[in-house]
Amino acid sequence: MIDIRRNTVADIRKTFVSKYKARDFCDNDTVEITGASFIADEDIIFGKVNEDYVEKELHWYMSKELNVKGLEPNIPEIWQDISGKQGEINSNYGWCIFSRENGHQFLNSLLQLKRDKHSRQAVMIYTRPSMHGDAKANGMRDFVCTNTVQLMIRNNALEYHVYMRSNDVVFGYNNDLAWHKHVYNMALHIMRKYYKLESKDIFWNAASLHIYPRHFNLLDKFL
């Protein structure tokens, strides 16, 4: 079997440092990689994982609550900034894939693989056509960052492909990867009831993978 060479987190980190060293900034002063595609083989690209926050966010996601009050106490500033006037939010990822209101995305993906082991239709759709309006409803600024996740069974392994419209490499990647690992492990546990499956890498795809100026000090360490 021929396998193409895929980028790793180390490759992505090296690209960011090279772009930063060359002062290759976007108009909004970020350093950005467009069309990024790599294996999520490390928990961080830059920074460190806040384990306490990850656990708190995971609990909130699993509650499917569409309000940032579910993150109390000490709601992170970013969630407060993008939520609506009463704390409404779109980006509760648990709601996106587990709720009846958003089409039972997780359940339907697993059912599709149960029906057809080779299916290319096991897709969890996080966003929706109405997001252009929903993102601004009642004062919100929350356009869901994850577009889709696709599950595939190939060579007796469960593959997990993440597709992001936008991803901050410091907080966004670290926290999102923790969530997707959780969902992957749930899917793998369930699908092993039907197939003898091995675990596989998580494949990460982001239209915009970026780092903000406030985190450039993390790049300085690599110069």
N, C-alpha and C. Protein backbone atom coordinates (compact mmCIF):
# COMPACT_ATOMS: atom_id res chain seq x y z
N MET A 1 0.84 -1.20 0.00
CA MET A 1 0.00 0.00 0.00
C MET A 1 0.88 1.25 0.00
N ILE A 2 0.60 2.16 -0.90
CA ILE A 2 1.32 3.41 -0.99
C ILE A 2 0.60 4.47 -0.15
N ASP A 3 1.34 5.14 0.72
CA ASP A 3 0.75 6.18 1.56
C ASP A 3 1.51 7.48 1.32
N ILE A 4 0.76 8.54 1.02
CA ILE A 4 1.42 9.81 0.75
C ILE A 4 1.97 10.40 2.04
N ARG A 5 2.99 11.21 1.90
CA ARG A 5 3.59 11.88 3.05
C ARG A 5 2.69 13.02 3.49
N ARG A 6 2.30 13.03 4.75
CA ARG A 6 1.38 14.04 5.27
C ARG A 6 2.13 14.97 6.22
N ASN A 7 1.70 16.22 6.24
CA ASN A 7 2.24 17.16 7.21
C ASN A 7 1.90 16.73 8.62
N THR A 8 2.77 17.06 9.55
CA THR A 8 2.54 16.82 10.97
C THR A 8 2.46 18.17 11.68
N VAL A 9 2.18 18.14 12.97
CA VAL A 9 2.19 19.38 13.76
C VAL A 9 3.56 20.04 13.70
N ALA A 10 4.61 19.25 13.72
CA ALA A 10 5.96 19.82 13.65
C ALA A 10 6.15 20.61 12.35
N ASP A 11 5.61 20.11 11.26
CA ASP A 11 5.71 20.82 9.98
C ASP A 11 4.94 22.14 10.03
N ILE A 12 3.75 22.10 10.60
CA ILE A 12 2.93 23.31 10.72
C ILE A 12 3.63 24.34 11.60
N ARG A 13 4.20 23.89 12.70
CA ARG A 13 4.92 24.79 13.61
C ARG A 13 6.10 25.45 12.88
N LYS A 14 6.81 24.67 12.12
CA LYS A 14 7.95 25.19 11.37
C LYS A 14 7.51 26.23 10.35
N THR A 15 6.37 26.00 9.70
CA THR A 15 5.86 26.95 8.71
C THR A 15 5.49 28.26 9.37
N PHE A 16 4.83 28.20 10.52
CA PHE A 16 4.47 29.42 11.24
C PHE A 16 5.72 30.23 11.61
N VAL A 17 6.71 29.55 12.13
CA VAL A 17 7.94 30.25 12.54
C VAL A 17 8.61 30.88 11.32
N SER A 18 8.63 30.17 10.20
CA SER A 18 9.25 30.70 8.98
C SER A 18 8.51 31.94 8.48
N LYS A 19 7.17 31.89 8.50
CA LYS A 19 6.38 33.03 8.04
C LYS A 19 6.58 34.22 8.98
N TYR A 20 6.65 33.95 10.27
CA TYR A 20 6.85 35.02 11.25
C TYR A 20 8.24 35.65 11.08
N LYS A 21 9.23 34.81 10.88
CA LYS A 21 10.60 35.31 10.70
C LYS A 21 10.69 36.19 9.45
N ALA A 22 9.92 35.83 8.41
CA ALA A 22 9.93 36.60 7.16
C ALA A 22 8.99 37.79 7.23
N ARG A 23 8.34 38.01 8.38
CA ARG A 23 7.36 39.10 8.57
C ARG A 23 6.23 38.99 7.55
N ASP A 24 5.82 37.77 7.30
CA ASP A 24 4.75 37.49 6.35
C ASP A 24 3.41 37.55 7.09
N PHE A 25 2.90 38.77 7.28
CA PHE A 25 1.68 38.99 8.04
C PHE A 25 0.50 39.24 7.11
N CYS A 26 -0.69 38.90 7.60
CA CYS A 26 -1.91 39.25 6.88
C CYS A 26 -2.27 40.70 7.16
N ASP A 27 -3.28 41.21 6.47
CA ASP A 27 -3.70 42.60 6.66
C ASP A 27 -4.18 42.86 8.09
N ASN A 28 -4.69 41.81 8.76
CA ASN A 28 -5.13 41.97 10.15
C ASN A 28 -4.02 41.66 11.15
N ASP A 29 -2.78 41.58 10.65
CA ASP A 29 -1.57 41.39 11.47
C ASP A 29 -1.41 40.00 12.04
N THR A 30 -2.24 39.07 11.63
CA THR A 30 -2.02 37.69 12.06
C THR A 30 -1.00 37.02 11.16
N VAL A 31 -0.44 35.91 11.64
CA VAL A 31 0.32 35.02 10.78
C VAL A 31 -0.62 33.86 10.46
N GLU A 32 -0.79 33.59 9.18
CA GLU A 32 -1.84 32.66 8.75
C GLU A 32 -1.32 31.66 7.74
N ILE A 33 -1.80 30.42 7.90
CA ILE A 33 -1.62 29.40 6.87
C ILE A 33 -3.00 29.09 6.32
N THR A 34 -3.20 29.27 5.03
CA THR A 34 -4.48 28.93 4.43
C THR A 34 -4.39 27.53 3.83
N GLY A 35 -5.52 26.83 3.85
CA GLY A 35 -5.54 25.47 3.33
C GLY A 35 -4.64 24.52 4.08
N ALA A 36 -4.54 24.71 5.38
CA ALA A 36 -3.67 23.84 6.20
C ALA A 36 -4.26 22.44 6.30
N SER A 37 -3.42 21.44 6.13
CA SER A 37 -3.85 20.05 6.23
C SER A 37 -2.71 19.24 6.84
N PHE A 38 -3.01 18.58 7.97
CA PHE A 38 -1.95 17.87 8.68
C PHE A 38 -2.53 16.83 9.62
N ILE A 39 -1.68 15.96 10.09
CA ILE A 39 -2.06 14.98 11.11
C ILE A 39 -1.96 15.65 12.47
N ALA A 40 -3.01 15.57 13.25
CA ALA A 40 -3.01 16.18 14.59
C ALA A 40 -2.32 15.22 15.56
N ASP A 41 -1.00 15.11 15.42
CA ASP A 41 -0.24 14.13 16.19
C ASP A 41 0.35 14.69 17.47
N GLU A 42 0.07 15.97 17.76
CA GLU A 42 0.46 16.57 19.03
C GLU A 42 -0.72 17.36 19.58
N ASP A 43 -0.83 17.43 20.91
CA ASP A 43 -1.96 18.12 21.53
C ASP A 43 -1.88 19.63 21.39
N ILE A 44 -0.70 20.16 21.13
CA ILE A 44 -0.55 21.60 20.99
C ILE A 44 0.31 21.90 19.76
N ILE A 45 0.08 23.08 19.20
CA ILE A 45 1.00 23.63 18.19
C ILE A 45 1.89 24.65 18.88
N PHE A 46 1.26 25.57 19.60
CA PHE A 46 1.96 26.52 20.47
C PHE A 46 1.17 26.63 21.77
N GLY A 47 1.83 27.07 22.83
CA GLY A 47 1.15 27.23 24.10
C GLY A 47 1.10 25.94 24.89
N LYS A 48 0.08 25.79 25.70
CA LYS A 48 -0.09 24.58 26.49
C LYS A 48 -1.58 24.33 26.72
N VAL A 49 -1.92 23.11 27.00
CA VAL A 49 -3.31 22.73 27.24
C VAL A 49 -3.70 23.10 28.67
N ASN A 50 -4.81 23.80 28.80
CA ASN A 50 -5.37 24.11 30.11
C ASN A 50 -6.33 22.98 30.46
N GLU A 51 -5.84 22.00 31.18
CA GLU A 51 -6.63 20.79 31.45
C GLU A 51 -7.92 21.09 32.21
N ASP A 52 -7.86 22.03 33.15
CA ASP A 52 -9.06 22.37 33.91
C ASP A 52 -10.13 22.96 33.01
N TYR A 53 -9.70 23.85 32.10
CA TYR A 53 -10.67 24.45 31.19
C TYR A 53 -11.21 23.42 30.20
N VAL A 54 -10.37 22.55 29.69
CA VAL A 54 -10.81 21.53 28.76
C VAL A 54 -11.90 20.67 29.38
N GLU A 55 -11.70 20.28 30.64
CA GLU A 55 -12.69 19.47 31.33
C GLU A 55 -14.00 20.25 31.51
N LYS A 56 -13.88 21.52 31.84
CA LYS A 56 -15.06 22.37 32.02
C LYS A 56 -15.83 22.54 30.72
N GLU A 57 -15.10 22.79 29.63
CA GLU A 57 -15.73 22.97 28.33
C GLU A 57 -16.37 21.68 27.85
N LEU A 58 -15.70 20.55 28.07
CA LEU A 58 -16.25 19.26 27.68
C LEU A 58 -17.57 18.99 28.38
N HIS A 59 -17.61 19.28 29.67
CA HIS A 59 -18.85 19.10 30.44
C HIS A 59 -19.98 19.96 29.87
N TRP A 60 -19.64 21.19 29.51
CA TRP A 60 -20.64 22.10 28.93
C TRP A 60 -21.11 21.60 27.56
N TYR A 61 -20.17 21.17 26.74
CA TYR A 61 -20.55 20.64 25.43
C TYR A 61 -21.50 19.46 25.58
N MET A 62 -21.19 18.56 26.50
CA MET A 62 -22.04 17.38 26.65
C MET A 62 -23.42 17.70 27.21
N SER A 63 -23.55 18.87 27.84
CA SER A 63 -24.86 19.30 28.33
C SER A 63 -25.76 19.78 27.20
N LYS A 64 -25.15 20.14 26.05
CA LYS A 64 -25.86 20.65 24.87
C LYS A 64 -26.56 21.99 25.14
N GLU A 65 -26.13 22.69 26.16
CA GLU A 65 -26.76 23.96 26.54
C GLU A 65 -26.27 25.09 25.65
N LEU A 66 -27.20 25.79 25.02
CA LEU A 66 -26.86 26.88 24.10
C LEU A 66 -26.82 28.23 24.82
N ASN A 67 -26.08 28.26 25.92
CA ASN A 67 -25.90 29.49 26.66
C ASN A 67 -24.58 29.39 27.43
N VAL A 68 -23.81 30.48 27.40
CA VAL A 68 -22.49 30.45 28.04
C VAL A 68 -22.58 30.40 29.56
N LYS A 69 -23.78 30.60 30.10
CA LYS A 69 -23.93 30.50 31.55
C LYS A 69 -23.59 29.09 32.04
N GLY A 70 -23.63 28.15 31.11
CA GLY A 70 -23.24 26.79 31.46
C GLY A 70 -21.76 26.65 31.76
N LEU A 71 -20.99 27.69 31.46
CA LEU A 71 -19.56 27.70 31.75
C LEU A 71 -19.24 28.40 33.07
N GLU A 72 -20.24 28.83 33.77
CA GLU A 72 -20.00 29.50 35.06
C GLU A 72 -19.41 28.51 36.06
N PRO A 73 -18.64 29.00 37.03
CA PRO A 73 -18.20 30.38 37.20
C PRO A 73 -17.01 30.72 36.27
N ASN A 74 -16.69 31.99 36.22
CA ASN A 74 -15.54 32.46 35.44
C ASN A 74 -15.66 32.11 33.96
N ILE A 75 -16.71 32.61 33.33
CA ILE A 75 -16.91 32.40 31.90
C ILE A 75 -15.76 33.07 31.14
N PRO A 76 -15.07 32.33 30.28
CA PRO A 76 -13.94 32.92 29.54
C PRO A 76 -14.37 34.16 28.75
N GLU A 77 -13.47 35.12 28.65
CA GLU A 77 -13.78 36.38 27.99
C GLU A 77 -14.21 36.19 26.54
N ILE A 78 -13.57 35.26 25.84
CA ILE A 78 -13.91 35.06 24.43
C ILE A 78 -15.36 34.64 24.27
N TRP A 79 -15.85 33.78 25.16
CA TRP A 79 -17.24 33.34 25.06
C TRP A 79 -18.19 34.48 25.40
N GLN A 80 -17.81 35.30 26.37
CA GLN A 80 -18.65 36.46 26.70
C GLN A 80 -18.71 37.44 25.53
N ASP A 81 -17.59 37.60 24.83
CA ASP A 81 -17.52 38.57 23.74
C ASP A 81 -18.40 38.18 22.56
N ILE A 82 -18.53 36.87 22.28
CA ILE A 82 -19.25 36.46 21.08
C ILE A 82 -20.68 36.01 21.35
N SER A 83 -21.06 35.90 22.63
CA SER A 83 -22.42 35.45 22.95
C SER A 83 -23.42 36.58 22.78
N GLY A 84 -24.71 36.20 22.74
CA GLY A 84 -25.78 37.17 22.60
C GLY A 84 -26.05 37.93 23.89
N LYS A 85 -27.07 38.76 23.84
CA LYS A 85 -27.36 39.64 24.97
C LYS A 85 -27.72 38.88 26.24
N GLN A 86 -28.32 37.73 26.10
CA GLN A 86 -28.66 36.90 27.26
C GLN A 86 -27.73 35.69 27.40
N GLY A 87 -26.60 35.74 26.71
CA GLY A 87 -25.64 34.64 26.81
C GLY A 87 -25.83 33.55 25.77
N GLU A 88 -26.69 33.78 24.76
CA GLU A 88 -26.94 32.76 23.75
C GLU A 88 -25.68 32.48 22.93
N ILE A 89 -25.60 31.26 22.44
CA ILE A 89 -24.42 30.84 21.68
C ILE A 89 -24.82 29.82 20.63
N ASN A 90 -24.08 29.75 19.54
CA ASN A 90 -24.29 28.70 18.54
C ASN A 90 -23.31 27.55 18.71
N SER A 91 -22.12 27.86 19.21
CA SER A 91 -20.99 26.92 19.14
C SER A 91 -20.88 25.99 20.34
N ASN A 92 -22.00 25.47 20.82
CA ASN A 92 -21.89 24.36 21.74
C ASN A 92 -21.78 23.10 20.88
N TYR A 93 -20.58 22.56 20.79
CA TYR A 93 -20.33 21.48 19.85
C TYR A 93 -21.11 20.22 20.17
N GLY A 94 -21.41 19.99 21.45
CA GLY A 94 -22.24 18.85 21.80
C GLY A 94 -23.63 18.98 21.21
N TRP A 95 -24.19 20.20 21.28
CA TRP A 95 -25.50 20.44 20.67
C TRP A 95 -25.42 20.22 19.17
N CYS A 96 -24.34 20.65 18.56
CA CYS A 96 -24.20 20.56 17.10
C CYS A 96 -24.29 19.12 16.59
N ILE A 97 -23.75 18.16 17.35
CA ILE A 97 -23.72 16.79 16.81
C ILE A 97 -24.60 15.79 17.56
N PHE A 98 -25.05 16.13 18.74
CA PHE A 98 -25.87 15.19 19.50
C PHE A 98 -27.35 15.56 19.57
N SER A 99 -27.70 16.78 19.26
CA SER A 99 -29.08 17.22 19.47
C SER A 99 -30.01 16.78 18.34
N ARG A 100 -31.27 16.57 18.71
CA ARG A 100 -32.32 16.30 17.71
C ARG A 100 -32.50 17.51 16.83
N GLU A 101 -32.41 18.72 17.43
CA GLU A 101 -32.66 19.95 16.68
C GLU A 101 -31.67 20.12 15.51
N ASN A 102 -30.46 19.61 15.65
CA ASN A 102 -29.48 19.73 14.58
C ASN A 102 -29.28 18.42 13.84
N GLY A 103 -30.26 17.54 13.93
CA GLY A 103 -30.28 16.38 13.05
C GLY A 103 -29.56 15.13 13.50
N HIS A 104 -29.27 15.00 14.82
CA HIS A 104 -28.61 13.78 15.32
C HIS A 104 -27.39 13.42 14.47
N GLN A 105 -26.48 14.37 14.29
CA GLN A 105 -25.35 14.18 13.39
C GLN A 105 -24.47 12.99 13.78
N PHE A 106 -24.15 12.86 15.04
CA PHE A 106 -23.29 11.77 15.52
C PHE A 106 -23.97 10.42 15.30
N LEU A 107 -25.20 10.31 15.73
CA LEU A 107 -25.94 9.05 15.61
C LEU A 107 -26.08 8.64 14.15
N ASN A 108 -26.46 9.58 13.30
CA ASN A 108 -26.67 9.23 11.89
C ASN A 108 -25.38 8.84 11.20
N SER A 109 -24.26 9.43 11.61
CA SER A 109 -22.97 9.06 11.03
C SER A 109 -22.61 7.61 11.38
N LEU A 110 -22.82 7.24 12.62
CA LEU A 110 -22.51 5.87 13.03
C LEU A 110 -23.46 4.86 12.38
N LEU A 111 -24.72 5.23 12.26
CA LEU A 111 -25.67 4.34 11.59
C LEU A 111 -25.29 4.13 10.13
N GLN A 112 -24.80 5.17 9.51
CA GLN A 112 -24.37 5.05 8.11
C GLN A 112 -23.21 4.07 7.98
N LEU A 113 -22.24 4.14 8.91
CA LEU A 113 -21.11 3.21 8.86
C LEU A 113 -21.54 1.79 9.21
N LYS A 114 -22.54 1.66 10.07
CA LYS A 114 -23.06 0.33 10.40
C LYS A 114 -23.72 -0.30 9.17
N ARG A 115 -24.41 0.52 8.38
CA ARG A 115 -25.06 0.02 7.17
C ARG A 115 -24.04 -0.29 6.07
N ASP A 116 -23.01 0.55 6.00
CA ASP A 116 -22.04 0.43 4.92
C ASP A 116 -20.66 0.78 5.45
N LYS A 117 -19.85 -0.23 5.68
CA LYS A 117 -18.52 -0.04 6.26
C LYS A 117 -17.65 0.87 5.40
N HIS A 118 -17.90 0.92 4.11
CA HIS A 118 -17.06 1.69 3.19
C HIS A 118 -17.66 3.04 2.83
N SER A 119 -18.67 3.45 3.57
CA SER A 119 -19.41 4.67 3.23
C SER A 119 -18.52 5.91 3.29
N ARG A 120 -18.86 6.87 2.41
CA ARG A 120 -18.25 8.20 2.44
C ARG A 120 -19.28 9.24 2.87
N GLN A 121 -20.37 8.78 3.49
CA GLN A 121 -21.46 9.67 3.87
C GLN A 121 -21.59 9.86 5.38
N ALA A 122 -20.65 9.35 6.16
CA ALA A 122 -20.71 9.48 7.62
C ALA A 122 -20.15 10.84 8.03
N VAL A 123 -20.93 11.87 7.79
CA VAL A 123 -20.50 13.25 7.99
C VAL A 123 -21.32 13.90 9.11
N MET A 124 -20.62 14.49 10.06
CA MET A 124 -21.27 15.28 11.11
C MET A 124 -21.18 16.75 10.71
N ILE A 125 -22.32 17.37 10.47
CA ILE A 125 -22.38 18.75 9.99
C ILE A 125 -22.60 19.67 11.19
N TYR A 126 -21.61 20.46 11.51
CA TYR A 126 -21.67 21.33 12.68
C TYR A 126 -22.43 22.63 12.38
N THR A 127 -22.23 23.17 11.22
CA THR A 127 -22.86 24.44 10.89
C THR A 127 -24.11 24.20 10.05
N ARG A 128 -24.71 25.23 9.52
CA ARG A 128 -25.97 25.11 8.79
C ARG A 128 -26.13 26.32 7.87
N PRO A 129 -26.98 26.22 6.83
CA PRO A 129 -27.13 27.33 5.88
C PRO A 129 -27.57 28.63 6.52
N SER A 130 -28.32 28.55 7.62
CA SER A 130 -28.82 29.76 8.27
C SER A 130 -27.78 30.45 9.15
N MET A 131 -26.56 29.92 9.18
CA MET A 131 -25.54 30.46 10.08
C MET A 131 -25.20 31.92 9.77
N HIS A 132 -25.34 32.32 8.51
CA HIS A 132 -25.03 33.71 8.15
C HIS A 132 -25.88 34.69 8.95
N GLY A 133 -27.12 34.30 9.24
CA GLY A 133 -27.99 35.13 10.08
C GLY A 133 -27.90 34.76 11.54
N ASP A 134 -27.84 33.45 11.82
CA ASP A 134 -27.80 32.98 13.20
C ASP A 134 -26.58 33.52 13.95
N ALA A 135 -25.49 33.73 13.23
CA ALA A 135 -24.25 34.19 13.85
C ALA A 135 -24.39 35.57 14.47
N LYS A 136 -25.37 36.35 13.99
CA LYS A 136 -25.54 37.73 14.45
C LYS A 136 -26.81 37.93 15.27
N ALA A 137 -27.54 36.87 15.52
CA ALA A 137 -28.83 36.98 16.21
C ALA A 137 -28.68 37.52 17.62
N ASN A 138 -29.48 38.50 17.97
CA ASN A 138 -29.54 39.06 19.32
C ASN A 138 -28.17 39.49 19.84
N GLY A 139 -27.37 40.06 18.96
CA GLY A 139 -26.07 40.58 19.39
C GLY A 139 -24.93 39.59 19.37
N MET A 140 -25.18 38.38 18.89
CA MET A 140 -24.10 37.39 18.85
C MET A 140 -23.07 37.73 17.79
N ARG A 141 -21.86 37.18 17.97
CA ARG A 141 -20.82 37.18 16.95
C ARG A 141 -20.21 35.78 16.91
N ASP A 142 -21.08 34.81 16.68
CA ASP A 142 -20.65 33.42 16.81
C ASP A 142 -21.01 32.60 15.57
N PHE A 143 -20.12 32.66 14.58
CA PHE A 143 -20.23 31.84 13.38
C PHE A 143 -19.41 30.57 13.65
N VAL A 144 -20.06 29.43 13.73
CA VAL A 144 -19.41 28.19 14.15
C VAL A 144 -18.13 27.94 13.35
N CYS A 145 -17.05 27.62 14.06
CA CYS A 145 -15.73 27.46 13.42
C CYS A 145 -15.55 26.12 12.74
N THR A 146 -16.15 25.07 13.27
CA THR A 146 -16.04 23.76 12.65
C THR A 146 -17.13 23.60 11.61
N ASN A 147 -16.75 23.25 10.40
CA ASN A 147 -17.74 23.00 9.35
C ASN A 147 -18.29 21.59 9.45
N THR A 148 -17.42 20.61 9.32
CA THR A 148 -17.85 19.21 9.35
C THR A 148 -16.76 18.33 9.94
N VAL A 149 -17.17 17.13 10.30
CA VAL A 149 -16.24 16.04 10.64
C VAL A 149 -16.72 14.82 9.87
N GLN A 150 -15.80 14.13 9.23
CA GLN A 150 -16.16 12.93 8.48
C GLN A 150 -15.47 11.72 9.06
N LEU A 151 -16.26 10.67 9.29
CA LEU A 151 -15.74 9.39 9.75
C LEU A 151 -15.63 8.44 8.57
N MET A 152 -14.52 7.72 8.50
CA MET A 152 -14.32 6.73 7.45
C MET A 152 -13.64 5.50 8.04
N ILE A 153 -14.01 4.34 7.55
CA ILE A 153 -13.33 3.11 7.93
C ILE A 153 -12.51 2.66 6.73
N ARG A 154 -11.20 2.67 6.90
CA ARG A 154 -10.29 2.25 5.85
C ARG A 154 -9.20 1.37 6.46
N ASN A 155 -8.93 0.23 5.80
CA ASN A 155 -7.90 -0.69 6.28
C ASN A 155 -8.13 -1.08 7.74
N ASN A 156 -9.41 -1.31 8.06
CA ASN A 156 -9.83 -1.74 9.40
C ASN A 156 -9.45 -0.75 10.50
N ALA A 157 -9.40 0.53 10.15
CA ALA A 157 -9.16 1.59 11.14
C ALA A 157 -10.21 2.67 10.96
N LEU A 158 -10.59 3.30 12.06
CA LEU A 158 -11.56 4.38 12.02
C LEU A 158 -10.81 5.70 11.85
N GLU A 159 -11.02 6.35 10.72
CA GLU A 159 -10.40 7.64 10.45
C GLU A 159 -11.36 8.77 10.83
N TYR A 160 -10.78 9.89 11.24
CA TYR A 160 -11.56 11.04 11.73
C TYR A 160 -10.97 12.28 11.07
N HIS A 161 -11.76 12.92 10.20
CA HIS A 161 -11.30 14.06 9.42
C HIS A 161 -12.05 15.32 9.85
N VAL A 162 -11.31 16.29 10.37
CA VAL A 162 -11.87 17.55 10.84
C VAL A 162 -11.69 18.61 9.76
N TYR A 163 -12.77 19.38 9.50
CA TYR A 163 -12.72 20.47 8.52
C TYR A 163 -13.17 21.77 9.19
N MET A 164 -12.23 22.69 9.33
CA MET A 164 -12.48 23.95 10.03
C MET A 164 -12.53 25.10 9.02
N ARG A 165 -13.41 26.07 9.27
CA ARG A 165 -13.36 27.29 8.45
C ARG A 165 -12.30 28.24 9.00
N SER A 166 -12.09 28.21 10.32
CA SER A 166 -11.19 29.14 10.99
C SER A 166 -10.69 28.51 12.28
N ASN A 167 -9.39 28.63 12.53
CA ASN A 167 -8.82 27.97 13.71
C ASN A 167 -7.61 28.72 14.24
N ASP A 168 -7.73 29.25 15.45
CA ASP A 168 -6.62 29.88 16.16
C ASP A 168 -5.73 28.76 16.69
N VAL A 169 -4.42 28.84 16.43
CA VAL A 169 -3.54 27.72 16.78
C VAL A 169 -3.23 27.62 18.27
N VAL A 170 -3.48 28.67 19.03
CA VAL A 170 -3.11 28.65 20.45
C VAL A 170 -4.25 28.09 21.30
N PHE A 171 -5.37 28.78 21.36
CA PHE A 171 -6.48 28.30 22.17
C PHE A 171 -7.42 27.41 21.36
N GLY A 172 -7.72 27.82 20.12
CA GLY A 172 -8.69 27.08 19.32
C GLY A 172 -8.28 25.65 19.05
N TYR A 173 -7.08 25.46 18.51
CA TYR A 173 -6.63 24.11 18.19
C TYR A 173 -6.54 23.24 19.43
N ASN A 174 -5.91 23.75 20.47
CA ASN A 174 -5.71 22.94 21.68
C ASN A 174 -7.03 22.45 22.27
N ASN A 175 -7.99 23.35 22.40
CA ASN A 175 -9.27 22.99 23.00
C ASN A 175 -10.13 22.15 22.05
N ASP A 176 -10.12 22.51 20.76
CA ASP A 176 -10.92 21.76 19.80
C ASP A 176 -10.41 20.34 19.64
N LEU A 177 -9.10 20.15 19.63
CA LEU A 177 -8.56 18.80 19.49
C LEU A 177 -8.98 17.93 20.66
N ALA A 178 -8.99 18.49 21.87
CA ALA A 178 -9.43 17.72 23.04
C ALA A 178 -10.87 17.25 22.85
N TRP A 179 -11.72 18.13 22.32
CA TRP A 179 -13.11 17.75 22.06
C TRP A 179 -13.18 16.64 21.00
N HIS A 180 -12.48 16.83 19.90
CA HIS A 180 -12.57 15.85 18.83
C HIS A 180 -11.98 14.50 19.22
N LYS A 181 -10.97 14.50 20.07
CA LYS A 181 -10.46 13.22 20.59
C LYS A 181 -11.54 12.51 21.41
N HIS A 182 -12.29 13.29 22.18
CA HIS A 182 -13.36 12.71 22.99
C HIS A 182 -14.42 12.08 22.09
N VAL A 183 -14.84 12.80 21.06
CA VAL A 183 -15.86 12.29 20.14
C VAL A 183 -15.32 11.07 19.38
N TYR A 184 -14.07 11.14 18.95
CA TYR A 184 -13.47 10.02 18.24
C TYR A 184 -13.49 8.75 19.10
N ASN A 185 -13.10 8.89 20.35
CA ASN A 185 -13.07 7.73 21.23
C ASN A 185 -14.46 7.16 21.47
N MET A 186 -15.46 8.03 21.55
CA MET A 186 -16.84 7.56 21.66
C MET A 186 -17.24 6.76 20.42
N ALA A 187 -16.93 7.31 19.25
CA ALA A 187 -17.29 6.64 18.00
C ALA A 187 -16.56 5.30 17.87
N LEU A 188 -15.29 5.28 18.21
CA LEU A 188 -14.50 4.05 18.10
C LEU A 188 -15.05 2.98 19.03
N HIS A 189 -15.41 3.36 20.25
CA HIS A 189 -15.96 2.41 21.21
C HIS A 189 -17.25 1.79 20.70
N ILE A 190 -18.11 2.61 20.12
CA ILE A 190 -19.39 2.11 19.61
C ILE A 190 -19.19 1.25 18.37
N MET A 191 -18.36 1.70 17.43
CA MET A 191 -18.20 0.97 16.17
C MET A 191 -17.47 -0.35 16.35
N ARG A 192 -16.72 -0.49 17.44
CA ARG A 192 -16.05 -1.77 17.69
C ARG A 192 -17.02 -2.87 18.07
N LYS A 193 -18.27 -2.52 18.32
CA LYS A 193 -19.30 -3.53 18.55
C LYS A 193 -19.67 -4.24 17.25
N TYR A 194 -19.35 -3.60 16.14
CA TYR A 194 -19.72 -4.14 14.83
C TYR A 194 -18.53 -4.56 14.00
N TYR A 195 -17.39 -3.90 14.18
CA TYR A 195 -16.21 -4.19 13.38
C TYR A 195 -14.97 -4.25 14.28
N LYS A 196 -13.99 -5.03 13.87
CA LYS A 196 -12.71 -5.06 14.56
C LYS A 196 -11.86 -3.92 14.03
N LEU A 197 -11.90 -2.79 14.73
CA LEU A 197 -11.27 -1.58 14.24
C LEU A 197 -10.05 -1.19 15.08
N GLU A 198 -9.05 -0.66 14.41
CA GLU A 198 -7.91 -0.06 15.08
C GLU A 198 -8.12 1.45 15.15
N SER A 199 -7.40 2.09 16.07
CA SER A 199 -7.46 3.54 16.15
C SER A 199 -6.58 4.14 15.05
N LYS A 200 -6.84 5.38 14.71
CA LYS A 200 -6.14 6.04 13.63
C LYS A 200 -5.89 7.48 14.02
N ASP A 201 -5.02 8.14 13.28
CA ASP A 201 -4.75 9.55 13.51
C ASP A 201 -5.99 10.39 13.23
N ILE A 202 -6.03 11.58 13.85
CA ILE A 202 -7.03 12.59 13.50
C ILE A 202 -6.41 13.49 12.44
N PHE A 203 -7.11 13.65 11.33
CA PHE A 203 -6.64 14.47 10.22
C PHE A 203 -7.28 15.85 10.32
N TRP A 204 -6.46 16.88 10.32
CA TRP A 204 -6.92 18.25 10.59
C TRP A 204 -6.81 19.10 9.33
N ASN A 205 -7.90 19.76 8.98
CA ASN A 205 -7.94 20.62 7.79
C ASN A 205 -8.56 21.95 8.18
N ALA A 206 -7.86 23.03 7.90
CA ALA A 206 -8.36 24.36 8.27
C ALA A 206 -8.16 25.32 7.11
N ALA A 207 -9.25 25.98 6.70
CA ALA A 207 -9.13 26.99 5.64
C ALA A 207 -8.22 28.12 6.09
N SER A 208 -8.37 28.51 7.37
CA SER A 208 -7.50 29.53 7.95
C SER A 208 -7.01 29.05 9.31
N LEU A 209 -5.72 28.77 9.36
CA LEU A 209 -5.06 28.42 10.62
C LEU A 209 -4.16 29.59 10.96
N HIS A 210 -4.37 30.22 12.11
CA HIS A 210 -3.71 31.51 12.35
C HIS A 210 -3.30 31.71 13.80
N ILE A 211 -2.39 32.67 13.98
CA ILE A 211 -1.95 33.05 15.32
C ILE A 211 -2.02 34.57 15.43
N TYR A 212 -2.57 35.05 16.53
CA TYR A 212 -2.79 36.48 16.73
C TYR A 212 -1.52 37.16 17.29
N PRO A 213 -1.40 38.47 17.07
CA PRO A 213 -0.21 39.19 17.57
C PRO A 213 0.04 39.02 19.07
N ARG A 214 -1.04 38.89 19.85
CA ARG A 214 -0.85 38.76 21.30
C ARG A 214 -0.12 37.47 21.68
N HIS A 215 -0.01 36.55 20.73
CA HIS A 215 0.68 35.29 21.00
C HIS A 215 2.01 35.16 20.25
N PHE A 216 2.48 36.26 19.67
CA PHE A 216 3.73 36.20 18.91
C PHE A 216 4.93 35.86 19.81
N ASN A 217 4.80 36.10 21.10
CA ASN A 217 5.89 35.73 22.01
C ASN A 217 6.16 34.23 21.99
N LEU A 218 5.14 33.46 21.65
CA LEU A 218 5.33 32.02 21.55
C LEU A 218 6.17 31.65 20.32
N LEU A 219 6.07 32.47 19.29
CA LEU A 219 6.90 32.28 18.10
C LEU A 219 8.33 32.72 18.34
N ASP A 220 8.48 33.78 19.14
CA ASP A 220 9.81 34.30 19.43
C ASP A 220 10.73 33.24 20.03
N LYS A 221 10.15 32.31 20.75
CA LYS A 221 10.95 31.27 21.41
C LYS A 221 11.63 30.35 20.42
N PHE A 222 11.13 30.35 19.17
CA PHE A 222 11.70 29.43 18.18
C PHE A 222 12.70 30.11 17.25
N LEU A 223 12.93 31.40 17.45
CA LEU A 223 13.85 32.14 16.59
C LEU A 223 15.29 32.01 17.09
